[in-house]
Amino acid sequence: MNNARTLGLIAAGGSLAMLLAAWGFQYLGGLAPCAMCIWQRWPHVLAAACGAVSVVVPLSVIYLLGAASAATTSGIGVYHTGVERGWWEGPTTCTSGPIDDLSPEELLDQILGAPLVRCDEVPWELLGLSMASWNALVSAGFVLIWLAAFRAARA
């Protein structure tokens, strides 16, 4: 197996491991994902698929697609981290809105319309970093591996 395929499979395997870890936290650890957590999973699915396709069809564009997928999930992870830390507002569908000038009826509607899992709360962290932060960092590393695979395929 050539170097490009090996690197592509390493990056794709990393994305698959990230998905398995997320599902483990969800189904074994009981940590339900928020909407942005789910958003971060889809690019990992595409990256894992790119790795599988690269074994059969070793086109360098597949490695770029894998890099773009990893960059996408990393970017969503950065965005989610900012929402968790209060650096910016997240989507109104998964964070709580201001209650300053709401009537009791409007507040009740807001509470009842809110999802059970909020995107602006950190349910788990390691070394001061949330799962979204870890996804952003690790996936950025996957981008570099995918780009190295692309470069090796072009050589």
C-alpha atoms as a PDB file:
ATOM      1  CA  MET A   1       0.000   0.000   0.000  1.00  0.00           C
ATOM      2  CA  ASN A   2       1.399   3.389  -0.913  1.00  0.00           C
ATOM      3  CA  ASN A   3       2.067   6.236   1.488  1.00  0.00           C
ATOM      4  CA  ALA A   4      -0.931   8.314   0.358  1.00  0.00           C
ATOM      5  CA  ARG A   5      -3.367   5.485   1.002  1.00  0.00           C
ATOM      6  CA  THR A   6      -1.798   4.753   4.368  1.00  0.00           C
ATOM      7  CA  LEU A   7      -2.111   8.384   5.438  1.00  0.00           C
ATOM      8  CA  GLY A   8      -5.666   8.558   4.121  1.00  0.00           C
ATOM      9  CA  LEU A   9      -6.614   5.451   6.076  1.00  0.00           C
ATOM     10  CA  ILE A  10      -5.012   6.837   9.236  1.00  0.00           C
ATOM     11  CA  ALA A  11      -7.027  10.061   8.946  1.00  0.00           C
ATOM     12  CA  ALA A  12     -10.213   8.189   8.048  1.00  0.00           C
ATOM     13  CA  GLY A  13      -9.640   5.762  10.909  1.00  0.00           C
ATOM     14  CA  GLY A  14      -9.244   8.744  13.218  1.00  0.00           C
ATOM     15  CA  SER A  15     -12.597  10.106  12.115  1.00  0.00           C
ATOM     16  CA  LEU A  16     -14.153   6.699  12.610  1.00  0.00           C
ATOM     17  CA  ALA A  17     -12.634   6.557  16.108  1.00  0.00           C
ATOM     18  CA  MET A  18     -14.086   9.994  16.860  1.00  0.00           C
ATOM     19  CA  LEU A  19     -17.521   8.770  15.782  1.00  0.00           C
ATOM     20  CA  LEU A  20     -17.214   5.636  17.902  1.00  0.00           C
ATOM     21  CA  ALA A  21     -16.163   7.727  20.888  1.00  0.00           C
ATOM     22  CA  ALA A  22     -19.130  10.075  20.401  1.00  0.00           C
ATOM     23  CA  TRP A  23     -21.515   7.132  20.179  1.00  0.00           C
ATOM     24  CA  GLY A  24     -19.866   5.603  23.237  1.00  0.00           C
ATOM     25  CA  PHE A  25     -20.428   8.781  25.248  1.00  0.00           C
ATOM     26  CA  GLN A  26     -24.013   8.848  24.003  1.00  0.00           C
ATOM     27  CA  TYR A  27     -25.081   5.220  24.311  1.00  0.00           C
ATOM     28  CA  LEU A  28     -22.769   3.887  27.031  1.00  0.00           C
ATOM     29  CA  GLY A  29     -22.128   7.070  29.000  1.00  0.00           C
ATOM     30  CA  GLY A  30     -25.633   8.484  28.796  1.00  0.00           C
ATOM     31  CA  LEU A  31     -24.531  11.896  27.463  1.00  0.00           C
ATOM     32  CA  ALA A  32     -27.159  12.920  24.933  1.00  0.00           C
ATOM     33  CA  PRO A  33     -25.734  15.077  22.120  1.00  0.00           C
ATOM     34  CA  CYS A  34     -26.914  18.575  21.375  1.00  0.00           C
ATOM     35  CA  ALA A  35     -27.678  19.736  17.838  1.00  0.00           C
ATOM     36  CA  MET A  36     -24.152  21.047  17.220  1.00  0.00           C
ATOM     37  CA  CYS A  37     -22.674  17.771  18.480  1.00  0.00           C
ATOM     38  CA  ILE A  38     -24.655  15.992  15.786  1.00  0.00           C
ATOM     39  CA  TRP A  39     -23.494  18.536  13.188  1.00  0.00           C
ATOM     40  CA  GLN A  40     -19.889  17.672  14.049  1.00  0.00           C
ATOM     41  CA  ARG A  41     -20.481  13.977  13.365  1.00  0.00           C
ATOM     42  CA  TRP A  42     -21.550  14.219   9.720  1.00  0.00           C
ATOM     43  CA  PRO A  43     -18.195  15.419   8.348  1.00  0.00           C
ATOM     44  CA  HIS A  44     -16.525  12.533  10.214  1.00  0.00           C
ATOM     45  CA  VAL A  45     -18.870  10.143   8.383  1.00  0.00           C
ATOM     46  CA  LEU A  46     -17.805  11.678   5.063  1.00  0.00           C
ATOM     47  CA  ALA A  47     -14.109  11.541   6.020  1.00  0.00           C
ATOM     48  CA  ALA A  48     -14.399   7.858   6.980  1.00  0.00           C
ATOM     49  CA  ALA A  49     -16.114   7.188   3.652  1.00  0.00           C
ATOM     50  CA  CYS A  50     -13.302   9.001   1.835  1.00  0.00           C
ATOM     51  CA  GLY A  51     -10.829   6.636   3.450  1.00  0.00           C
ATOM     52  CA  ALA A  52     -12.792   3.622   2.274  1.00  0.00           C
ATOM     53  CA  VAL A  53     -13.126   5.012  -1.251  1.00  0.00           C
ATOM     54  CA  SER A  54      -9.413   5.887  -1.399  1.00  0.00           C
ATOM     55  CA  VAL A  55      -8.538   2.192  -1.121  1.00  0.00           C
ATOM     56  CA  VAL A  56     -10.512   1.408  -4.280  1.00  0.00           C
ATOM     57  CA  VAL A  57     -10.152   4.688  -6.191  1.00  0.00           C
ATOM     58  CA  PRO A  58      -6.849   6.345  -5.287  1.00  0.00           C
ATOM     59  CA  LEU A  59      -7.601   9.782  -6.725  1.00  0.00           C
ATOM     60  CA  SER A  60      -5.908  12.714  -5.034  1.00  0.00           C
ATOM     61  CA  VAL A  61      -9.186  14.665  -5.005  1.00  0.00           C
ATOM     62  CA  ILE A  62     -10.528  12.159  -2.452  1.00  0.00           C
ATOM     63  CA  TYR A  63      -7.779  13.209  -0.063  1.00  0.00           C
ATOM     64  CA  LEU A  64      -8.792  16.844  -0.530  1.00  0.00           C
ATOM     65  CA  LEU A  65     -12.407  15.914   0.195  1.00  0.00           C
ATOM     66  CA  GLY A  66     -11.248  14.160   3.362  1.00  0.00           C
ATOM     67  CA  ALA A  67      -9.283  17.270   4.358  1.00  0.00           C
ATOM     68  CA  ALA A  68     -12.311  19.473   3.700  1.00  0.00           C
ATOM     69  CA  SER A  69     -14.483  17.163   5.799  1.00  0.00           C
ATOM     70  CA  ALA A  70     -12.028  17.240   8.691  1.00  0.00           C
ATOM     71  CA  ALA A  71     -11.725  21.026   8.381  1.00  0.00           C
ATOM     72  CA  THR A  72     -15.507  21.338   8.450  1.00  0.00           C
ATOM     73  CA  THR A  73     -15.935  19.346  11.647  1.00  0.00           C
ATOM     74  CA  SER A  74     -13.003  21.201  13.200  1.00  0.00           C
ATOM     75  CA  GLY A  75     -14.623  24.524  12.317  1.00  0.00           C
ATOM     76  CA  ILE A  76     -17.944  23.451  13.790  1.00  0.00           C
ATOM     77  CA  GLY A  77     -16.045  22.357  16.904  1.00  0.00           C
ATOM     78  CA  VAL A  78     -14.464  25.810  17.203  1.00  0.00           C
ATOM     79  CA  TYR A  79     -17.874  27.436  16.773  1.00  0.00           C
ATOM     80  CA  HIS A  80     -19.409  25.093  19.359  1.00  0.00           C
ATOM     81  CA  THR A  81     -16.560  25.809  21.788  1.00  0.00           C
ATOM     82  CA  GLY A  82     -17.241  29.533  21.446  1.00  0.00           C
ATOM     83  CA  VAL A  83     -20.916  28.959  22.212  1.00  0.00           C
ATOM     84  CA  GLU A  84     -20.044  26.834  25.242  1.00  0.00           C
ATOM     85  CA  ARG A  85     -17.660  29.462  26.592  1.00  0.00           C
ATOM     86  CA  GLY A  86     -20.024  32.358  25.918  1.00  0.00           C
ATOM     87  CA  TRP A  87     -17.761  33.998  23.331  1.00  0.00           C
ATOM     88  CA  TRP A  88     -20.710  34.292  20.936  1.00  0.00           C
ATOM     89  CA  GLU A  89     -24.316  33.218  20.712  1.00  0.00           C
ATOM     90  CA  GLY A  90     -25.245  29.886  19.290  1.00  0.00           C
ATOM     91  CA  PRO A  91     -28.293  28.939  17.300  1.00  0.00           C
ATOM     92  CA  THR A  92     -31.499  29.796  19.113  1.00  0.00           C
ATOM     93  CA  THR A  93     -32.658  26.224  18.587  1.00  0.00           C
ATOM     94  CA  CYS A  94     -30.175  24.848  21.115  1.00  0.00           C
ATOM     95  CA  THR A  95     -29.281  27.659  23.512  1.00  0.00           C
ATOM     96  CA  SER A  96     -31.361  29.613  25.937  1.00  0.00           C
ATOM     97  CA  GLY A  97     -32.445  33.075  24.923  1.00  0.00           C
ATOM     98  CA  PRO A  98     -32.565  36.178  27.088  1.00  0.00           C
ATOM     99  CA  ILE A  99     -35.461  36.407  29.518  1.00  0.00           C
ATOM    100  CA  ASP A 100     -35.183  40.100  30.354  1.00  0.00           C
ATOM    101  CA  ASP A 101     -38.409  41.428  28.880  1.00  0.00           C
ATOM    102  CA  LEU A 102     -40.431  38.252  28.473  1.00  0.00           C
ATOM    103  CA  SER A 103     -43.881  37.855  29.920  1.00  0.00           C
ATOM    104  CA  PRO A 104     -44.520  34.712  31.983  1.00  0.00           C
ATOM    105  CA  GLU A 105     -46.363  33.218  29.001  1.00  0.00           C
ATOM    106  CA  GLU A 106     -43.507  33.977  26.604  1.00  0.00           C
ATOM    107  CA  LEU A 107     -41.000  32.559  29.082  1.00  0.00           C
ATOM    108  CA  LEU A 108     -43.028  29.369  29.412  1.00  0.00           C
ATOM    109  CA  ASP A 109     -43.210  29.095  25.606  1.00  0.00           C
ATOM    110  CA  GLN A 110     -39.430  29.546  25.427  1.00  0.00           C
ATOM    111  CA  ILE A 111     -38.848  26.868  28.065  1.00  0.00           C
ATOM    112  CA  LEU A 112     -41.252  24.412  26.466  1.00  0.00           C
ATOM    113  CA  GLY A 113     -39.786  25.051  23.004  1.00  0.00           C
ATOM    114  CA  ALA A 114     -36.187  24.549  24.100  1.00  0.00           C
ATOM    115  CA  PRO A 115     -34.451  21.254  23.379  1.00  0.00           C
ATOM    116  CA  LEU A 116     -33.542  19.006  26.274  1.00  0.00           C
ATOM    117  CA  VAL A 117     -29.824  19.223  25.514  1.00  0.00           C
ATOM    118  CA  ARG A 118     -28.430  22.726  25.223  1.00  0.00           C
ATOM    119  CA  CYS A 119     -25.442  23.581  23.043  1.00  0.00           C
ATOM    120  CA  ASP A 120     -24.150  26.210  25.457  1.00  0.00           C
ATOM    121  CA  GLU A 121     -23.493  23.801  28.342  1.00  0.00           C
ATOM    122  CA  VAL A 122     -20.467  21.544  28.722  1.00  0.00           C
ATOM    123  CA  PRO A 123     -21.543  18.075  29.865  1.00  0.00           C
ATOM    124  CA  TRP A 124     -17.993  16.629  29.931  1.00  0.00           C
ATOM    125  CA  GLU A 125     -14.451  17.928  29.760  1.00  0.00           C
ATOM    126  CA  LEU A 126     -10.884  16.683  29.962  1.00  0.00           C
ATOM    127  CA  LEU A 127      -7.964  18.943  30.835  1.00  0.00           C
ATOM    128  CA  GLY A 128     -10.310  21.927  30.693  1.00  0.00           C
ATOM    129  CA  LEU A 129     -11.455  21.191  27.147  1.00  0.00           C
ATOM    130  CA  SER A 130     -14.948  20.103  26.148  1.00  0.00           C
ATOM    131  CA  MET A 131     -15.726  17.394  23.622  1.00  0.00           C
ATOM    132  CA  ALA A 132     -16.286  20.126  21.025  1.00  0.00           C
ATOM    133  CA  SER A 133     -12.854  21.590  21.773  1.00  0.00           C
ATOM    134  CA  TRP A 134     -11.190  18.194  21.524  1.00  0.00           C
ATOM    135  CA  ASN A 135     -12.978  17.558  18.246  1.00  0.00           C
ATOM    136  CA  ALA A 136     -11.720  20.882  16.888  1.00  0.00           C
ATOM    137  CA  LEU A 137      -8.110  20.150  17.852  1.00  0.00           C
ATOM    138  CA  VAL A 138      -7.975  16.499  16.831  1.00  0.00           C
ATOM    139  CA  SER A 139      -9.796  17.142  13.566  1.00  0.00           C
ATOM    140  CA  ALA A 140      -7.343  19.929  12.728  1.00  0.00           C
ATOM    141  CA  GLY A 141      -4.665  17.260  13.020  1.00  0.00           C
ATOM    142  CA  PHE A 142      -6.655  15.063  10.647  1.00  0.00           C
ATOM    143  CA  VAL A 143      -6.669  17.930   8.131  1.00  0.00           C
ATOM    144  CA  LEU A 144      -2.868  17.885   8.160  1.00  0.00           C
ATOM    145  CA  ILE A 145      -2.795  14.112   7.664  1.00  0.00           C
ATOM    146  CA  TRP A 146      -5.268  14.331   4.763  1.00  0.00           C
ATOM    147  CA  LEU A 147      -3.169  17.074   3.167  1.00  0.00           C
ATOM    148  CA  ALA A 148      -0.048  14.944   3.576  1.00  0.00           C
ATOM    149  CA  ALA A 149      -1.923  12.113   1.833  1.00  0.00           C
ATOM    150  CA  PHE A 150      -2.850  14.494  -0.991  1.00  0.00           C
ATOM    151  CA  ARG A 151       0.743  15.617  -1.319  1.00  0.00           C
ATOM    152  CA  ALA A 152       1.997  12.002  -1.339  1.00  0.00           C
ATOM    153  CA  ALA A 153      -0.569  11.098  -4.001  1.00  0.00           C
ATOM    154  CA  ARG A 154       0.627  13.961  -6.198  1.00  0.00           C
ATOM    155  CA  ALA A 155       4.321  13.024  -5.867  1.00  0.00           C
END
